[in-house]
Amino acid sequence: MAISLQYTNVTVTDVDESIPFYRDGLGLEVRNDVASGGFRWVTLGDGGSGPEIVLSVPHAGRSQADGDALQELLTKGSLPILVFRTDELDGLFQRLEASGAEVLQEPRKQPWGPRDCAFRDPSGNTIRIAESA
């Protein structure tokens, strides 16, 4: 049996505000943009057959109570960290920094192994980027 990750959801406060970070900053391409019931789900991927991410706001497709709870976690910065991998860490870091993204950590070698850096996306999600070995 073969199994692989197809996509994961990333909760953001504003889909339109987040697209440039993921598309222009990280270099992902928009693969799908679906509107329904006043909400949008935007899927982005790396151009290959790898996993995709889906950007949506907290209340998209959720009950009011669940959306409120997710909004609170997003506001607190308590949602899971996303980790990307690249073979051009320094160039990607410079591009994201030049875009005005909030830098949390400049590229450095970690005691547990990888060389990586960290940013916050426009909604406050922590994004780490590791250098390919």
C-alpha atoms as a PDB file:
ATOM      1  CA  MET A   1       0.000   0.000   0.000  1.00  0.00           C
ATOM      2  CA  ALA A   2       1.266   3.475  -0.904  1.00  0.00           C
ATOM      3  CA  ILE A   3       0.139   6.544   1.009  1.00  0.00           C
ATOM      4  CA  SER A   4       1.146  10.183   0.752  1.00  0.00           C
ATOM      5  CA  LEU A   5      -0.020  13.552   1.992  1.00  0.00           C
ATOM      6  CA  GLN A   6      -2.210  15.297  -0.592  1.00  0.00           C
ATOM      7  CA  TYR A   7      -2.846  18.638   1.122  1.00  0.00           C
ATOM      8  CA  THR A   8      -3.084  20.357   4.460  1.00  0.00           C
ATOM      9  CA  ASN A   9      -5.132  23.350   5.524  1.00  0.00           C
ATOM     10  CA  VAL A  10      -3.533  26.596   6.659  1.00  0.00           C
ATOM     11  CA  THR A  11      -5.851  28.914   8.542  1.00  0.00           C
ATOM     12  CA  VAL A  12      -5.314  32.594   7.761  1.00  0.00           C
ATOM     13  CA  THR A  13      -7.099  35.799   8.707  1.00  0.00           C
ATOM     14  CA  ASP A  14      -7.296  37.043   5.101  1.00  0.00           C
ATOM     15  CA  VAL A  15      -6.817  34.791   2.067  1.00  0.00           C
ATOM     16  CA  ASP A  16      -6.024  37.669  -0.330  1.00  0.00           C
ATOM     17  CA  GLU A  17      -3.423  39.093   2.053  1.00  0.00           C
ATOM     18  CA  SER A  18      -1.799  35.661   2.469  1.00  0.00           C
ATOM     19  CA  ILE A  19      -1.520  34.637  -1.187  1.00  0.00           C
ATOM     20  CA  PRO A  20       1.496  36.890  -1.973  1.00  0.00           C
ATOM     21  CA  PHE A  21       3.482  35.429   0.958  1.00  0.00           C
ATOM     22  CA  TYR A  22       2.947  31.853  -0.192  1.00  0.00           C
ATOM     23  CA  ARG A  23       2.949  32.492  -3.965  1.00  0.00           C
ATOM     24  CA  ASP A  24       5.500  35.289  -4.448  1.00  0.00           C
ATOM     25  CA  GLY A  25       7.573  34.825  -1.296  1.00  0.00           C
ATOM     26  CA  LEU A  26       7.765  31.038  -1.018  1.00  0.00           C
ATOM     27  CA  GLY A  27       7.365  30.457  -4.748  1.00  0.00           C
ATOM     28  CA  LEU A  28       4.306  28.203  -4.639  1.00  0.00           C
ATOM     29  CA  GLU A  29       1.839  28.308  -7.509  1.00  0.00           C
ATOM     30  CA  VAL A  30      -1.901  28.784  -7.170  1.00  0.00           C
ATOM     31  CA  ARG A  31      -3.575  25.576  -8.310  1.00  0.00           C
ATOM     32  CA  ASN A  32      -7.200  26.177  -7.382  1.00  0.00           C
ATOM     33  CA  ASP A  33      -9.351  29.038  -6.097  1.00  0.00           C
ATOM     34  CA  VAL A  34     -12.825  28.008  -4.950  1.00  0.00           C
ATOM     35  CA  ALA A  35     -15.503  30.315  -3.549  1.00  0.00           C
ATOM     36  CA  SER A  36     -18.588  29.017  -1.765  1.00  0.00           C
ATOM     37  CA  GLY A  37     -20.977  30.511   0.755  1.00  0.00           C
ATOM     38  CA  GLY A  38     -19.017  33.739   1.055  1.00  0.00           C
ATOM     39  CA  PHE A  39     -15.704  31.965   1.751  1.00  0.00           C
ATOM     40  CA  ARG A  40     -12.681  30.967  -0.371  1.00  0.00           C
ATOM     41  CA  TRP A  41     -10.292  28.055  -0.374  1.00  0.00           C
ATOM     42  CA  VAL A  42      -7.071  28.679  -2.317  1.00  0.00           C
ATOM     43  CA  THR A  43      -4.820  25.701  -3.037  1.00  0.00           C
ATOM     44  CA  LEU A  44      -1.103  26.230  -3.678  1.00  0.00           C
ATOM     45  CA  GLY A  45       1.624  23.740  -4.549  1.00  0.00           C
ATOM     46  CA  ASP A  46       5.256  23.514  -5.535  1.00  0.00           C
ATOM     47  CA  GLY A  47       4.697  22.796  -9.220  1.00  0.00           C
ATOM     48  CA  GLY A  48       5.338  19.066  -8.847  1.00  0.00           C
ATOM     49  CA  SER A  49       3.187  16.325  -7.417  1.00  0.00           C
ATOM     50  CA  GLY A  50       4.118  17.120  -3.814  1.00  0.00           C
ATOM     51  CA  PRO A  51       1.677  18.057  -1.070  1.00  0.00           C
ATOM     52  CA  GLU A  52      -0.409  21.195  -1.441  1.00  0.00           C
ATOM     53  CA  ILE A  53      -1.625  23.726   1.097  1.00  0.00           C
ATOM     54  CA  VAL A  54      -5.132  25.155   1.217  1.00  0.00           C
ATOM     55  CA  LEU A  55      -5.572  28.687   2.594  1.00  0.00           C
ATOM     56  CA  SER A  56      -8.900  29.499   4.254  1.00  0.00           C
ATOM     57  CA  VAL A  57     -10.253  31.690   7.048  1.00  0.00           C
ATOM     58  CA  PRO A  58     -11.274  30.200  10.419  1.00  0.00           C
ATOM     59  CA  HIS A  59     -15.024  30.150   9.745  1.00  0.00           C
ATOM     60  CA  ALA A  60     -14.816  28.653   6.223  1.00  0.00           C
ATOM     61  CA  GLY A  61     -16.771  25.402   6.268  1.00  0.00           C
ATOM     62  CA  ARG A  62     -17.001  25.321  10.059  1.00  0.00           C
ATOM     63  CA  SER A  63     -19.628  26.018  12.687  1.00  0.00           C
ATOM     64  CA  GLN A  64     -19.602  29.431  14.352  1.00  0.00           C
ATOM     65  CA  ALA A  65     -18.245  27.920  17.586  1.00  0.00           C
ATOM     66  CA  ASP A  66     -15.465  25.990  15.825  1.00  0.00           C
ATOM     67  CA  GLY A  67     -14.540  29.014  13.700  1.00  0.00           C
ATOM     68  CA  ASP A  68     -14.416  31.204  16.808  1.00  0.00           C
ATOM     69  CA  ALA A  69     -12.162  28.688  18.592  1.00  0.00           C
ATOM     70  CA  LEU A  70      -9.842  28.465  15.587  1.00  0.00           C
ATOM     71  CA  GLN A  71      -9.775  32.253  15.264  1.00  0.00           C
ATOM     72  CA  GLU A  72      -8.688  32.515  18.903  1.00  0.00           C
ATOM     73  CA  LEU A  73      -5.847  30.015  18.356  1.00  0.00           C
ATOM     74  CA  LEU A  74      -4.746  31.850  15.204  1.00  0.00           C
ATOM     75  CA  THR A  75      -4.761  35.192  17.033  1.00  0.00           C
ATOM     76  CA  LYS A  76      -2.637  33.705  19.842  1.00  0.00           C
ATOM     77  CA  GLY A  77      -0.152  32.223  17.368  1.00  0.00           C
ATOM     78  CA  SER A  78      -0.918  28.730  18.652  1.00  0.00           C
ATOM     79  CA  LEU A  79      -1.579  26.882  15.400  1.00  0.00           C
ATOM     80  CA  PRO A  80       0.887  24.219  14.189  1.00  0.00           C
ATOM     81  CA  ILE A  81       4.122  25.325  12.562  1.00  0.00           C
ATOM     82  CA  LEU A  82       4.608  24.640   8.850  1.00  0.00           C
ATOM     83  CA  VAL A  83       8.058  23.480   7.776  1.00  0.00           C
ATOM     84  CA  PHE A  84       9.195  23.759   4.167  1.00  0.00           C
ATOM     85  CA  ARG A  85      12.438  22.465   2.636  1.00  0.00           C
ATOM     86  CA  THR A  86      14.537  24.168  -0.043  1.00  0.00           C
ATOM     87  CA  ASP A  87      17.889  23.748  -1.739  1.00  0.00           C
ATOM     88  CA  GLU A  88      18.314  27.562  -1.853  1.00  0.00           C
ATOM     89  CA  LEU A  89      17.797  28.664   1.765  1.00  0.00           C
ATOM     90  CA  ASP A  90      19.794  31.892   1.575  1.00  0.00           C
ATOM     91  CA  GLY A  91      18.089  33.068  -1.620  1.00  0.00           C
ATOM     92  CA  LEU A  92      14.630  32.220  -0.311  1.00  0.00           C
ATOM     93  CA  PHE A  93      15.401  33.946   2.990  1.00  0.00           C
ATOM     94  CA  GLN A  94      16.493  37.099   1.152  1.00  0.00           C
ATOM     95  CA  ARG A  95      13.373  37.090  -1.054  1.00  0.00           C
ATOM     96  CA  LEU A  96      11.023  36.715   1.929  1.00  0.00           C
ATOM     97  CA  GLU A  97      12.903  39.309   3.974  1.00  0.00           C
ATOM     98  CA  ALA A  98      12.766  41.778   1.045  1.00  0.00           C
ATOM     99  CA  SER A  99       9.010  41.195   0.757  1.00  0.00           C
ATOM    100  CA  GLY A 100       8.553  42.574   4.268  1.00  0.00           C
ATOM    101  CA  ALA A 101       7.709  39.244   5.917  1.00  0.00           C
ATOM    102  CA  GLU A 102       8.386  39.179   9.655  1.00  0.00           C
ATOM    103  CA  VAL A 103      11.715  37.438  10.294  1.00  0.00           C
ATOM    104  CA  LEU A 104      11.759  35.244  13.404  1.00  0.00           C
ATOM    105  CA  GLN A 105      15.169  33.675  12.814  1.00  0.00           C
ATOM    106  CA  GLU A 106      17.870  34.220  10.226  1.00  0.00           C
ATOM    107  CA  PRO A 107      19.427  31.124   8.608  1.00  0.00           C
ATOM    108  CA  ARG A 108      21.544  29.157  11.081  1.00  0.00           C
ATOM    109  CA  LYS A 109      22.653  25.627  11.831  1.00  0.00           C
ATOM    110  CA  GLN A 110      20.492  24.026  14.520  1.00  0.00           C
ATOM    111  CA  PRO A 111      21.923  21.757  17.248  1.00  0.00           C
ATOM    112  CA  TRP A 112      19.529  18.999  16.139  1.00  0.00           C
ATOM    113  CA  GLY A 113      20.841  19.046  12.572  1.00  0.00           C
ATOM    114  CA  PRO A 114      19.308  21.213   9.870  1.00  0.00           C
ATOM    115  CA  ARG A 115      20.225  24.716   8.842  1.00  0.00           C
ATOM    116  CA  ASP A 116      16.990  26.702   8.792  1.00  0.00           C
ATOM    117  CA  CYS A 117      15.235  30.040   9.211  1.00  0.00           C
ATOM    118  CA  ALA A 118      11.792  31.159  10.380  1.00  0.00           C
ATOM    119  CA  PHE A 119       9.156  33.733   9.438  1.00  0.00           C
ATOM    120  CA  ARG A 120       5.600  34.664  10.326  1.00  0.00           C
ATOM    121  CA  ASP A 121       3.082  34.755   7.513  1.00  0.00           C
ATOM    122  CA  PRO A 122       0.706  37.766   7.354  1.00  0.00           C
ATOM    123  CA  SER A 123      -1.717  35.977   9.736  1.00  0.00           C
ATOM    124  CA  GLY A 124       0.929  35.168  12.336  1.00  0.00           C
ATOM    125  CA  ASN A 125       1.499  31.503  11.446  1.00  0.00           C
ATOM    126  CA  THR A 126       5.078  30.369  12.077  1.00  0.00           C
ATOM    127  CA  ILE A 127       6.802  29.139   8.918  1.00  0.00           C
ATOM    128  CA  ARG A 128      10.173  27.399   9.170  1.00  0.00           C
ATOM    129  CA  ILE A 129      12.291  26.696   6.104  1.00  0.00           C
ATOM    130  CA  ALA A 130      14.962  24.010   6.288  1.00  0.00           C
ATOM    131  CA  GLU A 131      17.864  23.608   3.899  1.00  0.00           C
ATOM    132  CA  SER A 132      17.888  20.343   1.960  1.00  0.00           C
ATOM    133  CA  ALA A 133      20.718  18.052   3.025  1.00  0.00           C
END
